[in-house]
Amino acid sequence: MNTDLISSLLPLVALFAIFYFLIIRPQQKQAKAHKDMVSNLKKGDKIVTNGGLIVEVAKVEETYFVVKNSDNTEMKLMKEFVAKLLEN
């Protein structure tokens, strides 16, 4: 009876392990890399927002950035809406 329980749970455990290594773990690594990138942004860095705008960081605040558009218009951008850093 004990082996029946183990043999019936084994595919479920294997499925969870595959799910973890193929989906959950890479997503966690990507989120950590994004958080590190956002925390290392500084004045003068060019970034792309989630909306597709290319802006330059003018000032770093605790929860947001003050960014400049191409016409030097300043606006506030919440840190979680930074998509990526543009390489110069």
N, C-alpha and C. Protein backbone atom coordinates (compact mmCIF):
# COMPACT_ATOMS: atom_id res chain seq x y z
N MET A 1 0.82 -1.19 0.00
CA MET A 1 0.00 0.00 0.00
C MET A 1 0.87 1.26 0.00
N ASN A 2 1.95 1.22 0.72
CA ASN A 2 2.86 2.36 0.78
C ASN A 2 3.50 2.64 -0.57
N THR A 3 3.84 1.61 -1.30
CA THR A 3 4.45 1.79 -2.62
C THR A 3 3.45 2.34 -3.63
N ASP A 4 2.16 2.01 -3.44
CA ASP A 4 1.14 2.56 -4.33
C ASP A 4 1.05 4.08 -4.17
N LEU A 5 1.13 4.54 -2.94
CA LEU A 5 1.08 5.97 -2.67
C LEU A 5 2.30 6.68 -3.26
N ILE A 6 3.47 6.11 -3.08
CA ILE A 6 4.70 6.70 -3.61
C ILE A 6 4.67 6.71 -5.13
N SER A 7 4.25 5.63 -5.74
CA SER A 7 4.23 5.56 -7.20
C SER A 7 3.17 6.49 -7.81
N SER A 8 2.12 6.77 -7.07
CA SER A 8 1.11 7.69 -7.59
C SER A 8 1.52 9.15 -7.40
N LEU A 9 2.33 9.44 -6.39
CA LEU A 9 2.79 10.81 -6.16
C LEU A 9 4.04 11.17 -6.95
N LEU A 10 4.79 10.18 -7.38
CA LEU A 10 6.03 10.43 -8.10
C LEU A 10 5.84 11.25 -9.37
N PRO A 11 4.87 10.96 -10.23
CA PRO A 11 4.68 11.81 -11.42
C PRO A 11 4.31 13.25 -11.07
N LEU A 12 3.55 13.44 -10.01
CA LEU A 12 3.18 14.78 -9.57
C LEU A 12 4.40 15.57 -9.09
N VAL A 13 5.26 14.93 -8.33
CA VAL A 13 6.49 15.55 -7.86
C VAL A 13 7.41 15.88 -9.03
N ALA A 14 7.52 14.97 -9.97
CA ALA A 14 8.36 15.21 -11.15
C ALA A 14 7.81 16.37 -11.98
N LEU A 15 6.51 16.44 -12.13
CA LEU A 15 5.89 17.53 -12.87
C LEU A 15 6.15 18.87 -12.19
N PHE A 16 6.04 18.92 -10.88
CA PHE A 16 6.31 20.15 -10.15
C PHE A 16 7.78 20.56 -10.30
N ALA A 17 8.70 19.61 -10.25
CA ALA A 17 10.13 19.91 -10.41
C ALA A 17 10.40 20.49 -11.79
N ILE A 18 9.82 19.88 -12.81
CA ILE A 18 9.99 20.40 -14.17
C ILE A 18 9.41 21.81 -14.28
N PHE A 19 8.24 22.02 -13.75
CA PHE A 19 7.59 23.33 -13.76
C PHE A 19 8.45 24.37 -13.06
N TYR A 20 9.03 23.99 -11.92
CA TYR A 20 9.88 24.91 -11.17
C TYR A 20 11.11 25.31 -11.98
N PHE A 21 11.82 24.34 -12.53
CA PHE A 21 13.08 24.66 -13.22
C PHE A 21 12.87 25.30 -14.59
N LEU A 22 11.74 25.09 -15.22
CA LEU A 22 11.51 25.68 -16.54
C LEU A 22 10.77 27.02 -16.49
N ILE A 23 10.00 27.26 -15.45
CA ILE A 23 9.19 28.49 -15.42
C ILE A 23 9.49 29.38 -14.22
N ILE A 24 9.38 28.85 -13.02
CA ILE A 24 9.48 29.69 -11.82
C ILE A 24 10.89 30.23 -11.61
N ARG A 25 11.89 29.36 -11.66
CA ARG A 25 13.27 29.78 -11.39
C ARG A 25 13.78 30.82 -12.39
N PRO A 26 13.60 30.63 -13.71
CA PRO A 26 14.05 31.66 -14.64
C PRO A 26 13.33 33.00 -14.45
N GLN A 27 12.06 32.94 -14.08
CA GLN A 27 11.31 34.17 -13.85
C GLN A 27 11.84 34.91 -12.63
N GLN A 28 12.22 34.17 -11.58
CA GLN A 28 12.79 34.79 -10.40
C GLN A 28 14.14 35.42 -10.71
N LYS A 29 14.96 34.74 -11.52
CA LYS A 29 16.27 35.28 -11.90
C LYS A 29 16.10 36.56 -12.71
N GLN A 30 15.13 36.57 -13.62
CA GLN A 30 14.88 37.75 -14.45
C GLN A 30 14.40 38.91 -13.59
N ALA A 31 13.53 38.66 -12.64
CA ALA A 31 13.04 39.72 -11.75
C ALA A 31 14.17 40.28 -10.90
N LYS A 32 15.06 39.44 -10.43
CA LYS A 32 16.19 39.91 -9.64
C LYS A 32 17.14 40.74 -10.49
N ALA A 33 17.40 40.32 -11.72
CA ALA A 33 18.27 41.08 -12.61
C ALA A 33 17.67 42.45 -12.93
N HIS A 34 16.34 42.50 -13.14
CA HIS A 34 15.67 43.78 -13.41
C HIS A 34 15.75 44.69 -12.19
N LYS A 35 15.54 44.14 -11.00
CA LYS A 35 15.60 44.94 -9.77
C LYS A 35 17.01 45.50 -9.58
N ASP A 36 18.04 44.69 -9.83
CA ASP A 36 19.42 45.16 -9.72
C ASP A 36 19.71 46.27 -10.74
N MET A 37 19.22 46.10 -11.97
CA MET A 37 19.43 47.11 -13.01
C MET A 37 18.79 48.43 -12.61
N VAL A 38 17.56 48.39 -12.11
CA VAL A 38 16.84 49.60 -11.72
C VAL A 38 17.54 50.28 -10.53
N SER A 39 18.03 49.49 -9.58
CA SER A 39 18.69 50.09 -8.41
C SER A 39 20.04 50.70 -8.75
N ASN A 40 20.65 50.28 -9.86
CA ASN A 40 21.94 50.83 -10.26
C ASN A 40 21.85 51.97 -11.26
N LEU A 41 20.64 52.40 -11.62
CA LEU A 41 20.50 53.51 -12.55
C LEU A 41 20.95 54.80 -11.89
N LYS A 42 21.55 55.68 -12.68
CA LYS A 42 22.04 56.95 -12.16
C LYS A 42 21.74 58.06 -13.16
N LYS A 43 21.97 59.28 -12.74
CA LYS A 43 21.72 60.45 -13.59
C LYS A 43 22.50 60.31 -14.89
N GLY A 44 21.82 60.59 -15.99
CA GLY A 44 22.47 60.53 -17.31
C GLY A 44 22.24 59.23 -18.06
N ASP A 45 21.76 58.17 -17.38
CA ASP A 45 21.48 56.90 -18.05
C ASP A 45 20.25 57.05 -18.95
N LYS A 46 20.31 56.45 -20.11
CA LYS A 46 19.16 56.44 -21.02
C LYS A 46 18.44 55.11 -20.83
N ILE A 47 17.11 55.22 -20.67
CA ILE A 47 16.30 54.04 -20.41
C ILE A 47 15.11 53.99 -21.36
N VAL A 48 14.52 52.82 -21.46
CA VAL A 48 13.27 52.63 -22.20
C VAL A 48 12.20 52.29 -21.16
N THR A 49 11.06 52.98 -21.26
CA THR A 49 9.96 52.70 -20.33
C THR A 49 9.11 51.56 -20.87
N ASN A 50 8.22 51.04 -20.02
CA ASN A 50 7.31 49.99 -20.47
C ASN A 50 6.39 50.48 -21.57
N GLY A 51 6.18 51.78 -21.66
CA GLY A 51 5.35 52.36 -22.71
C GLY A 51 6.11 52.60 -24.00
N GLY A 52 7.42 52.35 -23.99
CA GLY A 52 8.22 52.50 -25.20
C GLY A 52 8.93 53.83 -25.34
N LEU A 53 8.83 54.71 -24.36
CA LEU A 53 9.51 55.99 -24.43
C LEU A 53 10.99 55.82 -24.11
N ILE A 54 11.82 56.54 -24.85
CA ILE A 54 13.26 56.57 -24.56
C ILE A 54 13.52 57.89 -23.86
N VAL A 55 13.96 57.80 -22.61
CA VAL A 55 14.18 59.00 -21.79
C VAL A 55 15.52 58.91 -21.09
N GLU A 56 15.94 60.04 -20.52
CA GLU A 56 17.20 60.10 -19.79
C GLU A 56 16.91 60.39 -18.32
N VAL A 57 17.57 59.69 -17.43
CA VAL A 57 17.36 59.89 -16.00
C VAL A 57 17.99 61.23 -15.61
N ALA A 58 17.18 62.11 -15.01
CA ALA A 58 17.67 63.41 -14.56
C ALA A 58 17.93 63.41 -13.06
N LYS A 59 17.13 62.64 -12.32
CA LYS A 59 17.27 62.61 -10.86
C LYS A 59 16.72 61.29 -10.35
N VAL A 60 17.39 60.71 -9.37
CA VAL A 60 16.95 59.44 -8.77
C VAL A 60 16.31 59.75 -7.41
N GLU A 61 15.07 59.34 -7.24
CA GLU A 61 14.37 59.47 -5.97
C GLU A 61 14.15 58.07 -5.40
N GLU A 62 13.51 58.00 -4.24
CA GLU A 62 13.34 56.70 -3.59
C GLU A 62 12.41 55.76 -4.35
N THR A 63 11.26 56.27 -4.81
CA THR A 63 10.29 55.41 -5.48
C THR A 63 10.11 55.74 -6.96
N TYR A 64 10.73 56.80 -7.43
CA TYR A 64 10.57 57.19 -8.83
C TYR A 64 11.83 57.87 -9.35
N PHE A 65 11.87 58.05 -10.66
CA PHE A 65 12.93 58.81 -11.32
C PHE A 65 12.31 60.07 -11.90
N VAL A 66 13.07 61.15 -11.90
CA VAL A 66 12.71 62.31 -12.71
C VAL A 66 13.47 62.10 -14.01
N VAL A 67 12.73 62.04 -15.13
CA VAL A 67 13.35 61.76 -16.42
C VAL A 67 13.11 62.91 -17.38
N LYS A 68 14.01 63.02 -18.37
CA LYS A 68 13.88 64.06 -19.39
C LYS A 68 13.58 63.40 -20.72
N ASN A 69 12.61 63.96 -21.42
CA ASN A 69 12.26 63.52 -22.75
C ASN A 69 13.21 64.17 -23.76
N SER A 70 13.06 63.89 -25.04
CA SER A 70 13.96 64.45 -26.06
C SER A 70 13.84 65.97 -26.17
N ASP A 71 12.71 66.55 -25.78
CA ASP A 71 12.55 68.01 -25.82
C ASP A 71 12.83 68.65 -24.45
N ASN A 72 13.55 67.92 -23.59
CA ASN A 72 13.94 68.34 -22.24
C ASN A 72 12.77 68.56 -21.29
N THR A 73 11.61 68.00 -21.60
CA THR A 73 10.48 68.03 -20.68
C THR A 73 10.76 67.03 -19.57
N GLU A 74 10.63 67.49 -18.33
CA GLU A 74 10.86 66.59 -17.20
C GLU A 74 9.55 65.98 -16.73
N MET A 75 9.60 64.71 -16.36
CA MET A 75 8.43 64.02 -15.83
C MET A 75 8.88 62.98 -14.81
N LYS A 76 7.95 62.54 -13.99
CA LYS A 76 8.26 61.51 -13.00
C LYS A 76 7.89 60.15 -13.57
N LEU A 77 8.73 59.17 -13.31
CA LEU A 77 8.50 57.80 -13.76
C LEU A 77 8.70 56.88 -12.57
N MET A 78 7.67 56.08 -12.27
CA MET A 78 7.78 55.11 -11.19
C MET A 78 8.84 54.07 -11.57
N LYS A 79 9.62 53.64 -10.60
CA LYS A 79 10.74 52.74 -10.87
C LYS A 79 10.30 51.41 -11.50
N GLU A 80 9.11 50.93 -11.16
CA GLU A 80 8.69 49.64 -11.70
C GLU A 80 8.32 49.70 -13.19
N PHE A 81 8.26 50.90 -13.78
CA PHE A 81 7.92 51.04 -15.19
C PHE A 81 9.14 51.20 -16.09
N VAL A 82 10.33 50.95 -15.56
CA VAL A 82 11.54 50.94 -16.37
C VAL A 82 11.64 49.58 -17.03
N ALA A 83 11.70 49.57 -18.36
CA ALA A 83 11.79 48.29 -19.08
C ALA A 83 13.24 47.83 -19.21
N LYS A 84 14.10 48.73 -19.68
CA LYS A 84 15.51 48.34 -19.84
C LYS A 84 16.40 49.56 -19.96
N LEU A 85 17.67 49.31 -19.77
CA LEU A 85 18.71 50.33 -19.89
C LEU A 85 19.23 50.28 -21.32
N LEU A 86 19.34 51.45 -21.94
CA LEU A 86 19.91 51.51 -23.29
C LEU A 86 21.42 51.55 -23.19
N GLU A 87 22.07 50.70 -23.93
CA GLU A 87 23.54 50.70 -23.95
C GLU A 87 24.00 51.79 -24.91
N ASN A 88 24.94 52.59 -24.46
CA ASN A 88 25.43 53.69 -25.31
C ASN A 88 26.49 53.23 -26.26
